[in-house]
Amino acid sequence: MPDITYSYDTITASTLRTITDIAAQARGAAPVDPDACWAMARGAFRAWCELVGDAATEQDRATLEQLFEGIPLRDPSCLETAPGNWRPSPIVVLAPAAPR
């Protein structure tokens, strides 16, 4: 398997799309568990934090955190107790960075 490097912008854009899609699903009319959606979105956010590390900007962090606002939760304690399940999964899709 080739060694692939992902750019900060690629990782951030992918995470933004992922969390936006999950938040939209949680707010949608389809019968989904909003608490599970919140946990998935939180997991994607934690993955971003881990992948970009110290390169994370406050502006990008604030933008991603803002996406969580308004996700309807049945159990408000989910905000404090659900760490988010960060593991490789189909919801985090990254494209290779363009060669420089």
PDB file of N, CA and C in Angstrom:
ATOM      1  N   MET A   1       0.848  -1.165   0.000  1.00  0.00           N
ATOM      2  CA  MET A   1       0.000   0.000   0.000  1.00  0.00           C
ATOM      3  C   MET A   1       0.902   1.240   0.000  1.00  0.00           C
ATOM      4  N   PRO A   2       0.634   2.179  -0.892  1.00  0.00           N
ATOM      5  CA  PRO A   2       1.481   3.375  -0.956  1.00  0.00           C
ATOM      6  C   PRO A   2       1.288   4.261   0.272  1.00  0.00           C
ATOM      7  N   ASP A   3       2.352   4.974   0.598  1.00  0.00           N
ATOM      8  CA  ASP A   3       2.287   5.922   1.705  1.00  0.00           C
ATOM      9  C   ASP A   3       1.595   7.181   1.198  1.00  0.00           C
ATOM     10  N   ILE A   4       0.416   7.486   1.734  1.00  0.00           N
ATOM     11  CA  ILE A   4      -0.371   8.627   1.273  1.00  0.00           C
ATOM     12  C   ILE A   4      -0.394   9.679   2.375  1.00  0.00           C
ATOM     13  N   THR A   5      -0.152  10.907   1.989  1.00  0.00           N
ATOM     14  CA  THR A   5      -0.200  12.026   2.925  1.00  0.00           C
ATOM     15  C   THR A   5      -1.422  12.872   2.615  1.00  0.00           C
ATOM     16  N   TYR A   6      -2.128  13.261   3.643  1.00  0.00           N
ATOM     17  CA  TYR A   6      -3.307  14.103   3.484  1.00  0.00           C
ATOM     18  C   TYR A   6      -2.986  15.503   3.988  1.00  0.00           C
ATOM     19  N   SER A   7      -3.440  16.493   3.265  1.00  0.00           N
ATOM     20  CA  SER A   7      -3.186  17.872   3.670  1.00  0.00           C
ATOM     21  C   SER A   7      -4.175  18.296   4.757  1.00  0.00           C
ATOM     22  N   TYR A   8      -3.799  19.327   5.483  1.00  0.00           N
ATOM     23  CA  TYR A   8      -4.676  19.897   6.508  1.00  0.00           C
ATOM     24  C   TYR A   8      -6.009  20.299   5.888  1.00  0.00           C
ATOM     25  N   ASP A   9      -5.947  20.977   4.740  1.00  0.00           N
ATOM     26  CA  ASP A   9      -7.176  21.447   4.091  1.00  0.00           C
ATOM     27  C   ASP A   9      -8.070  20.291   3.662  1.00  0.00           C
ATOM     28  N   THR A  10      -7.473  19.205   3.173  1.00  0.00           N
ATOM     29  CA  THR A  10      -8.251  18.034   2.754  1.00  0.00           C
ATOM     30  C   THR A  10      -8.941  17.388   3.950  1.00  0.00           C
ATOM     31  N   ILE A  11      -8.199  17.220   5.030  1.00  0.00           N
ATOM     32  CA  ILE A  11      -8.766  16.610   6.238  1.00  0.00           C
ATOM     33  C   ILE A  11      -9.887  17.486   6.801  1.00  0.00           C
ATOM     34  N   THR A  12      -9.655  18.785   6.845  1.00  0.00           N
ATOM     35  CA  THR A  12     -10.645  19.706   7.400  1.00  0.00           C
ATOM     36  C   THR A  12     -11.903  19.755   6.538  1.00  0.00           C
ATOM     37  N   ALA A  13     -11.736  19.812   5.218  1.00  0.00           N
ATOM     38  CA  ALA A  13     -12.894  19.847   4.316  1.00  0.00           C
ATOM     39  C   ALA A  13     -13.701  18.557   4.417  1.00  0.00           C
ATOM     40  N   SER A  14     -13.020  17.427   4.494  1.00  0.00           N
ATOM     41  CA  SER A  14     -13.715  16.146   4.612  1.00  0.00           C
ATOM     42  C   SER A  14     -14.497  16.066   5.920  1.00  0.00           C
ATOM     43  N   THR A  15     -13.881  16.518   7.001  1.00  0.00           N
ATOM     44  CA  THR A  15     -14.551  16.502   8.302  1.00  0.00           C
ATOM     45  C   THR A  15     -15.749  17.441   8.304  1.00  0.00           C
ATOM     46  N   LEU A  16     -15.597  18.598   7.697  1.00  0.00           N
ATOM     47  CA  LEU A  16     -16.696  19.563   7.599  1.00  0.00           C
ATOM     48  C   LEU A  16     -17.880  18.953   6.848  1.00  0.00           C
ATOM     49  N   ARG A  17     -17.610  18.300   5.717  1.00  0.00           N
ATOM     50  CA  ARG A  17     -18.687  17.649   4.951  1.00  0.00           C
ATOM     51  C   ARG A  17     -19.340  16.541   5.766  1.00  0.00           C
ATOM     52  N   THR A  18     -18.514  15.736   6.421  1.00  0.00           N
ATOM     53  CA  THR A  18     -19.031  14.609   7.195  1.00  0.00           C
ATOM     54  C   THR A  18     -19.950  15.081   8.320  1.00  0.00           C
ATOM     55  N   ILE A  19     -19.485  16.046   9.115  1.00  0.00           N
ATOM     56  CA  ILE A  19     -20.293  16.527  10.240  1.00  0.00           C
ATOM     57  C   ILE A  19     -21.537  17.256   9.746  1.00  0.00           C
ATOM     58  N   THR A  20     -21.415  18.007   8.660  1.00  0.00           N
ATOM     59  CA  THR A  20     -22.580  18.695   8.085  1.00  0.00           C
ATOM     60  C   THR A  20     -23.640  17.685   7.663  1.00  0.00           C
ATOM     61  N   ASP A  21     -23.216  16.605   6.996  1.00  0.00           N
ATOM     62  CA  ASP A  21     -24.159  15.570   6.555  1.00  0.00           C
ATOM     63  C   ASP A  21     -24.824  14.869   7.738  1.00  0.00           C
ATOM     64  N   ILE A  22     -24.035  14.550   8.755  1.00  0.00           N
ATOM     65  CA  ILE A  22     -24.593  13.882   9.933  1.00  0.00           C
ATOM     66  C   ILE A  22     -25.579  14.800  10.652  1.00  0.00           C
ATOM     67  N   ALA A  23     -25.220  16.076  10.805  1.00  0.00           N
ATOM     68  CA  ALA A  23     -26.109  17.032  11.481  1.00  0.00           C
ATOM     69  C   ALA A  23     -27.407  17.210  10.698  1.00  0.00           C
ATOM     70  N   ALA A  24     -27.309  17.261   9.368  1.00  0.00           N
ATOM     71  CA  ALA A  24     -28.514  17.395   8.540  1.00  0.00           C
ATOM     72  C   ALA A  24     -29.411  16.175   8.704  1.00  0.00           C
ATOM     73  N   GLN A  25     -28.802  15.004   8.775  1.00  0.00           N
ATOM     74  CA  GLN A  25     -29.582  13.784   8.966  1.00  0.00           C
ATOM     75  C   GLN A  25     -30.276  13.811  10.330  1.00  0.00           C
ATOM     76  N   ALA A  26     -29.580  14.280  11.358  1.00  0.00           N
ATOM     77  CA  ALA A  26     -30.168  14.334  12.706  1.00  0.00           C
ATOM     78  C   ALA A  26     -31.340  15.296  12.765  1.00  0.00           C
ATOM     79  N   ARG A  27     -31.288  16.353  11.954  1.00  0.00           N
ATOM     80  CA  ARG A  27     -32.359  17.357  11.959  1.00  0.00           C
ATOM     81  C   ARG A  27     -33.466  17.033  10.962  1.00  0.00           C
ATOM     82  N   GLY A  28     -33.254  16.014  10.143  1.00  0.00           N
ATOM     83  CA  GLY A  28     -34.192  15.692   9.071  1.00  0.00           C
ATOM     84  C   GLY A  28     -35.448  15.001   9.549  1.00  0.00           C
ATOM     85  N   ALA A  29     -36.321  14.734   8.580  1.00  0.00           N
ATOM     86  CA  ALA A  29     -37.613  14.125   8.881  1.00  0.00           C
ATOM     87  C   ALA A  29     -37.518  12.610   9.040  1.00  0.00           C
ATOM     88  N   ALA A  30     -36.443  12.017   8.528  1.00  0.00           N
ATOM     89  CA  ALA A  30     -36.306  10.558   8.606  1.00  0.00           C
ATOM     90  C   ALA A  30     -36.160  10.129  10.064  1.00  0.00           C
ATOM     91  N   PRO A  31     -36.715   8.971  10.399  1.00  0.00           N
ATOM     92  CA  PRO A  31     -36.628   8.506  11.784  1.00  0.00           C
ATOM     93  C   PRO A  31     -35.219   7.985  12.102  1.00  0.00           C
ATOM     94  N   VAL A  32     -34.383   8.850  12.646  1.00  0.00           N
ATOM     95  CA  VAL A  32     -33.036   8.455  13.051  1.00  0.00           C
ATOM     96  C   VAL A  32     -32.862   8.775  14.532  1.00  0.00           C
ATOM     97  N   ASP A  33     -31.888   8.145  15.134  1.00  0.00           N
ATOM     98  CA  ASP A  33     -31.587   8.409  16.539  1.00  0.00           C
ATOM     99  C   ASP A  33     -30.638   9.606  16.597  1.00  0.00           C
ATOM    100  N   PRO A  34     -31.125  10.775  17.023  1.00  0.00           N
ATOM    101  CA  PRO A  34     -30.267  11.960  17.035  1.00  0.00           C
ATOM    102  C   PRO A  34     -29.077  11.812  17.982  1.00  0.00           C
ATOM    103  N   ASP A  35     -29.237  11.033  19.048  1.00  0.00           N
ATOM    104  CA  ASP A  35     -28.122  10.829  19.967  1.00  0.00           C
ATOM    105  C   ASP A  35     -26.996  10.064  19.274  1.00  0.00           C
ATOM    106  N   ALA A  36     -27.359   9.083  18.458  1.00  0.00           N
ATOM    107  CA  ALA A  36     -26.351   8.334  17.697  1.00  0.00           C
ATOM    108  C   ALA A  36     -25.687   9.237  16.661  1.00  0.00           C
ATOM    109  N   CYS A  37     -26.471  10.105  16.036  1.00  0.00           N
ATOM    110  CA  CYS A  37     -25.903  11.056  15.072  1.00  0.00           C
ATOM    111  C   CYS A  37     -24.921  11.983  15.770  1.00  0.00           C
ATOM    112  N   TRP A  38     -25.287  12.454  16.958  1.00  0.00           N
ATOM    113  CA  TRP A  38     -24.397  13.335  17.703  1.00  0.00           C
ATOM    114  C   TRP A  38     -23.086  12.616  18.017  1.00  0.00           C
ATOM    115  N   ALA A  39     -23.188  11.357  18.442  1.00  0.00           N
ATOM    116  CA  ALA A  39     -21.986  10.587  18.774  1.00  0.00           C
ATOM    117  C   ALA A  39     -21.112  10.383  17.538  1.00  0.00           C
ATOM    118  N   MET A  40     -21.734  10.130  16.376  1.00  0.00           N
ATOM    119  CA  MET A  40     -20.949   9.981  15.139  1.00  0.00           C
ATOM    120  C   MET A  40     -20.266  11.291  14.769  1.00  0.00           C
ATOM    121  N   ALA A  41     -20.999  12.390  14.860  1.00  0.00           N
ATOM    122  CA  ALA A  41     -20.418  13.699  14.534  1.00  0.00           C
ATOM    123  C   ALA A  41     -19.284  14.025  15.505  1.00  0.00           C
ATOM    124  N   ARG A  42     -19.487  13.729  16.768  1.00  0.00           N
ATOM    125  CA  ARG A  42     -18.439  13.967  17.769  1.00  0.00           C
ATOM    126  C   ARG A  42     -17.217  13.107  17.468  1.00  0.00           C
ATOM    127  N   GLY A  43     -17.445  11.876  17.020  1.00  0.00           N
ATOM    128  CA  GLY A  43     -16.334  11.003  16.645  1.00  0.00           C
ATOM    129  C   GLY A  43     -15.548  11.562  15.473  1.00  0.00           C
ATOM    130  N   ALA A  44     -16.253  12.100  14.483  1.00  0.00           N
ATOM    131  CA  ALA A  44     -15.576  12.712  13.336  1.00  0.00           C
ATOM    132  C   ALA A  44     -14.770  13.925  13.787  1.00  0.00           C
ATOM    133  N   PHE A  45     -15.319  14.705  14.713  1.00  0.00           N
ATOM    134  CA  PHE A  45     -14.603  15.870  15.236  1.00  0.00           C
ATOM    135  C   PHE A  45     -13.344  15.439  15.982  1.00  0.00           C
ATOM    136  N   ARG A  46     -13.458  14.416  16.807  1.00  0.00           N
ATOM    137  CA  ARG A  46     -12.294  13.908  17.539  1.00  0.00           C
ATOM    138  C   ARG A  46     -11.243  13.377  16.580  1.00  0.00           C
ATOM    139  N   ALA A  47     -11.685  12.733  15.498  1.00  0.00           N
ATOM    140  CA  ALA A  47     -10.741  12.238  14.490  1.00  0.00           C
ATOM    141  C   ALA A  47      -9.982  13.402  13.875  1.00  0.00           C
ATOM    142  N   TRP A  48     -10.704  14.475  13.556  1.00  0.00           N
ATOM    143  CA  TRP A  48     -10.057  15.665  12.992  1.00  0.00           C
ATOM    144  C   TRP A  48      -9.013  16.208  13.969  1.00  0.00           C
ATOM    145  N   CYS A  49      -9.391  16.327  15.234  1.00  0.00           N
ATOM    146  CA  CYS A  49      -8.461  16.840  16.245  1.00  0.00           C
ATOM    147  C   CYS A  49      -7.194  15.986  16.304  1.00  0.00           C
ATOM    148  N   GLU A  50      -7.372  14.680  16.242  1.00  0.00           N
ATOM    149  CA  GLU A  50      -6.235  13.778  16.325  1.00  0.00           C
ATOM    150  C   GLU A  50      -5.384  13.817  15.058  1.00  0.00           C
ATOM    151  N   LEU A  51      -6.031  13.896  13.913  1.00  0.00           N
ATOM    152  CA  LEU A  51      -5.296  13.886  12.646  1.00  0.00           C
ATOM    153  C   LEU A  51      -4.510  15.169  12.405  1.00  0.00           C
ATOM    154  N   VAL A  52      -5.086  16.308  12.723  1.00  0.00           N
ATOM    155  CA  VAL A  52      -4.396  17.573  12.440  1.00  0.00           C
ATOM    156  C   VAL A  52      -3.542  18.043  13.612  1.00  0.00           C
ATOM    157  N   GLY A  53      -3.824  17.563  14.803  1.00  0.00           N
ATOM    158  CA  GLY A  53      -2.991  17.880  15.957  1.00  0.00           C
ATOM    159  C   GLY A  53      -2.852  19.371  16.212  1.00  0.00           C
ATOM    160  N   ASP A  54      -1.610  19.789  16.426  1.00  0.00           N
ATOM    161  CA  ASP A  54      -1.327  21.187  16.764  1.00  0.00           C
ATOM    162  C   ASP A  54      -1.566  22.148  15.609  1.00  0.00           C
ATOM    163  N   ALA A  55      -1.737  21.631  14.406  1.00  0.00           N
ATOM    164  CA  ALA A  55      -1.987  22.501  13.248  1.00  0.00           C
ATOM    165  C   ALA A  55      -3.410  23.059  13.257  1.00  0.00           C
ATOM    166  N   ALA A  56      -4.277  22.507  14.090  1.00  0.00           N
ATOM    167  CA  ALA A  56      -5.679  22.950  14.137  1.00  0.00           C
ATOM    168  C   ALA A  56      -5.770  24.432  14.465  1.00  0.00           C
ATOM    169  N   THR A  57      -6.518  25.155  13.647  1.00  0.00           N
ATOM    170  CA  THR A  57      -6.710  26.581  13.922  1.00  0.00           C
ATOM    171  C   THR A  57      -7.968  26.759  14.766  1.00  0.00           C
ATOM    172  N   GLU A  58      -7.989  27.817  15.544  1.00  0.00           N
ATOM    173  CA  GLU A  58      -9.163  28.105  16.375  1.00  0.00           C
ATOM    174  C   GLU A  58     -10.395  28.359  15.507  1.00  0.00           C
ATOM    175  N   GLN A  59     -10.192  28.993  14.368  1.00  0.00           N
ATOM    176  CA  GLN A  59     -11.320  29.281  13.474  1.00  0.00           C
ATOM    177  C   GLN A  59     -11.934  27.989  12.943  1.00  0.00           C
ATOM    178  N   ASP A  60     -11.096  27.047  12.501  1.00  0.00           N
ATOM    179  CA  ASP A  60     -11.624  25.775  12.000  1.00  0.00           C
ATOM    180  C   ASP A  60     -12.291  24.988  13.120  1.00  0.00           C
ATOM    181  N   ARG A  61     -11.682  24.988  14.288  1.00  0.00           N
ATOM    182  CA  ARG A  61     -12.273  24.279  15.433  1.00  0.00           C
ATOM    183  C   ARG A  61     -13.648  24.862  15.764  1.00  0.00           C
ATOM    184  N   ALA A  62     -13.750  26.184  15.794  1.00  0.00           N
ATOM    185  CA  ALA A  62     -15.025  26.843  16.105  1.00  0.00           C
ATOM    186  C   ALA A  62     -16.075  26.542  15.040  1.00  0.00           C
ATOM    187  N   THR A  63     -15.662  26.531  13.775  1.00  0.00           N
ATOM    188  CA  THR A  63     -16.598  26.224  12.684  1.00  0.00           C
ATOM    189  C   THR A  63     -17.150  24.817  12.838  1.00  0.00           C
ATOM    190  N   LEU A  64     -16.276  23.852  13.113  1.00  0.00           N
ATOM    191  CA  LEU A  64     -16.722  22.468  13.265  1.00  0.00           C
ATOM    192  C   LEU A  64     -17.606  22.309  14.500  1.00  0.00           C
ATOM    193  N   GLU A  65     -17.230  22.946  15.600  1.00  0.00           N
ATOM    194  CA  GLU A  65     -18.040  22.840  16.816  1.00  0.00           C
ATOM    195  C   GLU A  65     -19.419  23.466  16.630  1.00  0.00           C
ATOM    196  N   GLN A  66     -19.497  24.515  15.836  1.00  0.00           N
ATOM    197  CA  GLN A  66     -20.776  25.197  15.608  1.00  0.00           C
ATOM    198  C   GLN A  66     -21.784  24.274  14.917  1.00  0.00           C
ATOM    199  N   LEU A  67     -21.300  23.317  14.147  1.00  0.00           N
ATOM    200  CA  LEU A  67     -22.202  22.395  13.451  1.00  0.00           C
ATOM    201  C   LEU A  67     -23.012  21.541  14.421  1.00  0.00           C
ATOM    202  N   PHE A  68     -22.497  21.380  15.648  1.00  0.00           N
ATOM    203  CA  PHE A  68     -23.208  20.573  16.638  1.00  0.00           C
ATOM    204  C   PHE A  68     -24.422  21.295  17.209  1.00  0.00           C
ATOM    205  N   GLU A  69     -24.423  22.630  17.141  1.00  0.00           N
ATOM    206  CA  GLU A  69     -25.524  23.399  17.706  1.00  0.00           C
ATOM    207  C   GLU A  69     -26.827  23.049  16.995  1.00  0.00           C
ATOM    208  N   GLY A  70     -27.831  22.792  17.761  1.00  0.00           N
ATOM    209  CA  GLY A  70     -29.132  22.516  17.180  1.00  0.00           C
ATOM    210  C   GLY A  70     -29.399  21.060  16.856  1.00  0.00           C
ATOM    211  N   ILE A  71     -28.404  20.178  17.056  1.00  0.00           N
ATOM    212  CA  ILE A  71     -28.701  18.760  16.861  1.00  0.00           C
ATOM    213  C   ILE A  71     -29.645  18.364  17.996  1.00  0.00           C
ATOM    214  N   PRO A  72     -30.837  17.898  17.652  1.00  0.00           N
ATOM    215  CA  PRO A  72     -31.803  17.558  18.699  1.00  0.00           C
ATOM    216  C   PRO A  72     -31.367  16.298  19.445  1.00  0.00           C
ATOM    217  N   LEU A  73     -31.321  16.364  20.745  1.00  0.00           N
ATOM    218  CA  LEU A  73     -30.940  15.196  21.540  1.00  0.00           C
ATOM    219  C   LEU A  73     -32.114  14.753  22.392  1.00  0.00           C
ATOM    220  N   ARG A  74     -32.368  13.451  22.413  1.00  0.00           N
ATOM    221  CA  ARG A  74     -33.390  12.921  23.313  1.00  0.00           C
ATOM    222  C   ARG A  74     -32.856  12.891  24.731  1.00  0.00           C
ATOM    223  N   ASP A  75     -31.566  12.585  24.862  1.00  0.00           N
ATOM    224  CA  ASP A  75     -30.937  12.480  26.174  1.00  0.00           C
ATOM    225  C   ASP A  75     -29.822  13.525  26.266  1.00  0.00           C
ATOM    226  N   PRO A  76     -30.094  14.681  26.884  1.00  0.00           N
ATOM    227  CA  PRO A  76     -29.095  15.749  26.959  1.00  0.00           C
ATOM    228  C   PRO A  76     -27.790  15.334  27.644  1.00  0.00           C
ATOM    229  N   SER A  77     -27.820  14.280  28.460  1.00  0.00           N
ATOM    230  CA  SER A  77     -26.582  13.837  29.102  1.00  0.00           C
ATOM    231  C   SER A  77     -25.596  13.289  28.076  1.00  0.00           C
ATOM    232  N   CYS A  78     -26.075  13.020  26.871  1.00  0.00           N
ATOM    233  CA  CYS A  78     -25.218  12.553  25.783  1.00  0.00           C
ATOM    234  C   CYS A  78     -24.092  13.557  25.529  1.00  0.00           C
ATOM    235  N   LEU A  79     -24.382  14.838  25.758  1.00  0.00           N
ATOM    236  CA  LEU A  79     -23.369  15.876  25.541  1.00  0.00           C
ATOM    237  C   LEU A  79     -22.149  15.658  26.415  1.00  0.00           C
ATOM    238  N   GLU A  80     -22.357  15.134  27.602  1.00  0.00           N
ATOM    239  CA  GLU A  80     -21.256  14.959  28.543  1.00  0.00           C
ATOM    240  C   GLU A  80     -20.676  13.557  28.517  1.00  0.00           C
ATOM    241  N   THR A  81     -21.492  12.559  28.197  1.00  0.00           N
ATOM    242  CA  THR A  81     -21.039  11.179  28.359  1.00  0.00           C
ATOM    243  C   THR A  81     -20.598  10.503  27.077  1.00  0.00           C
ATOM    244  N   ALA A  82     -21.037  10.972  25.923  1.00  0.00           N
ATOM    245  CA  ALA A  82     -20.689  10.298  24.672  1.00  0.00           C
ATOM    246  C   ALA A  82     -19.390  10.871  24.119  1.00  0.00           C
ATOM    247  N   PRO A  83     -18.311  10.108  24.184  1.00  0.00           N
ATOM    248  CA  PRO A  83     -17.042  10.624  23.704  1.00  0.00           C
ATOM    249  C   PRO A  83     -16.948  10.632  22.186  1.00  0.00           C
ATOM    250  N   GLY A  84     -17.829   9.933  21.530  1.00  0.00           N
ATOM    251  CA  GLY A  84     -17.735   9.816  20.078  1.00  0.00           C
ATOM    252  C   GLY A  84     -16.894   8.604  19.730  1.00  0.00           C
ATOM    253  N   ASN A  85     -17.375   7.823  18.822  1.00  0.00           N
ATOM    254  CA  ASN A  85     -16.672   6.605  18.449  1.00  0.00           C
ATOM    255  C   ASN A  85     -15.755   6.870  17.272  1.00  0.00           C
ATOM    256  N   TRP A  86     -14.537   7.245  17.529  1.00  0.00           N
ATOM    257  CA  TRP A  86     -13.576   7.525  16.467  1.00  0.00           C
ATOM    258  C   TRP A  86     -12.835   6.246  16.144  1.00  0.00           C
ATOM    259  N   ARG A  87     -13.075   5.779  14.965  1.00  0.00           N
ATOM    260  CA  ARG A  87     -12.353   4.641  14.407  1.00  0.00           C
ATOM    261  C   ARG A  87     -12.527   4.743  12.902  1.00  0.00           C
ATOM    262  N   PRO A  88     -11.639   4.138  12.128  1.00  0.00           N
ATOM    263  CA  PRO A  88     -11.799   4.219  10.678  1.00  0.00           C
ATOM    264  C   PRO A  88     -13.169   3.680  10.271  1.00  0.00           C
ATOM    265  N   SER A  89     -13.876   4.440   9.496  1.00  0.00           N
ATOM    266  CA  SER A  89     -15.198   4.017   9.053  1.00  0.00           C
ATOM    267  C   SER A  89     -15.548   4.736   7.768  1.00  0.00           C
ATOM    268  N   PRO A  90     -16.617   4.309   7.085  1.00  0.00           N
ATOM    269  CA  PRO A  90     -16.997   4.944   5.830  1.00  0.00           C
ATOM    270  C   PRO A  90     -17.428   6.397   5.982  1.00  0.00           C
ATOM    271  N   ILE A  91     -17.709   6.876   7.187  1.00  0.00           N
ATOM    272  CA  ILE A  91     -18.163   8.263   7.298  1.00  0.00           C
ATOM    273  C   ILE A  91     -17.019   9.260   7.232  1.00  0.00           C
ATOM    274  N   VAL A  92     -15.781   8.807   7.427  1.00  0.00           N
ATOM    275  CA  VAL A  92     -14.632   9.697   7.295  1.00  0.00           C
ATOM    276  C   VAL A  92     -13.927   9.320   6.001  1.00  0.00           C
ATOM    277  N   VAL A  93     -14.174  10.093   4.966  1.00  0.00           N
ATOM    278  CA  VAL A  93     -13.617   9.792   3.649  1.00  0.00           C
ATOM    279  C   VAL A  93     -12.643  10.899   3.286  1.00  0.00           C
ATOM    280  N   LEU A  94     -11.396  10.524   3.063  1.00  0.00           N
ATOM    281  CA  LEU A  94     -10.368  11.497   2.731  1.00  0.00           C
ATOM    282  C   LEU A  94      -9.843  11.229   1.326  1.00  0.00           C
ATOM    283  N   ALA A  95      -9.471  12.282   0.640  1.00  0.00           N
ATOM    284  CA  ALA A  95      -8.836  12.155  -0.668  1.00  0.00           C
ATOM    285  C   ALA A  95      -7.362  12.486  -0.504  1.00  0.00           C
ATOM    286  N   PRO A  96      -6.482  11.832  -1.273  1.00  0.00           N
ATOM    287  CA  PRO A  96      -5.060  12.126  -1.150  1.00  0.00           C
ATOM    288  C   PRO A  96      -4.776  13.588  -1.475  1.00  0.00           C
ATOM    289  N   ALA A  97      -3.793  14.134  -0.806  1.00  0.00           N
ATOM    290  CA  ALA A  97      -3.378  15.510  -1.082  1.00  0.00           C
ATOM    291  C   ALA A  97      -2.724  15.569  -2.454  1.00  0.00           C
ATOM    292  N   ALA A  98      -2.902  16.670  -3.119  1.00  0.00           N
ATOM    293  CA  ALA A  98      -2.265  16.853  -4.426  1.00  0.00           C
ATOM    294  C   ALA A  98      -0.756  16.944  -4.234  1.00  0.00           C
ATOM    295  N   PRO A  99       0.004  16.282  -5.099  1.00  0.00           N
ATOM    296  CA  PRO A  99       1.470  16.356  -4.978  1.00  0.00           C
ATOM    297  C   PRO A  99       1.942  17.794  -5.123  1.00  0.00           C
ATOM    298  N   ARG A 100       2.964  18.125  -4.398  1.00  0.00           N
ATOM    299  CA  ARG A 100       3.501  19.493  -4.458  1.00  0.00           C
ATOM    300  C   ARG A 100       4.727  19.543  -5.312  1.00  0.00           C
TER     301      ARG A 100
END
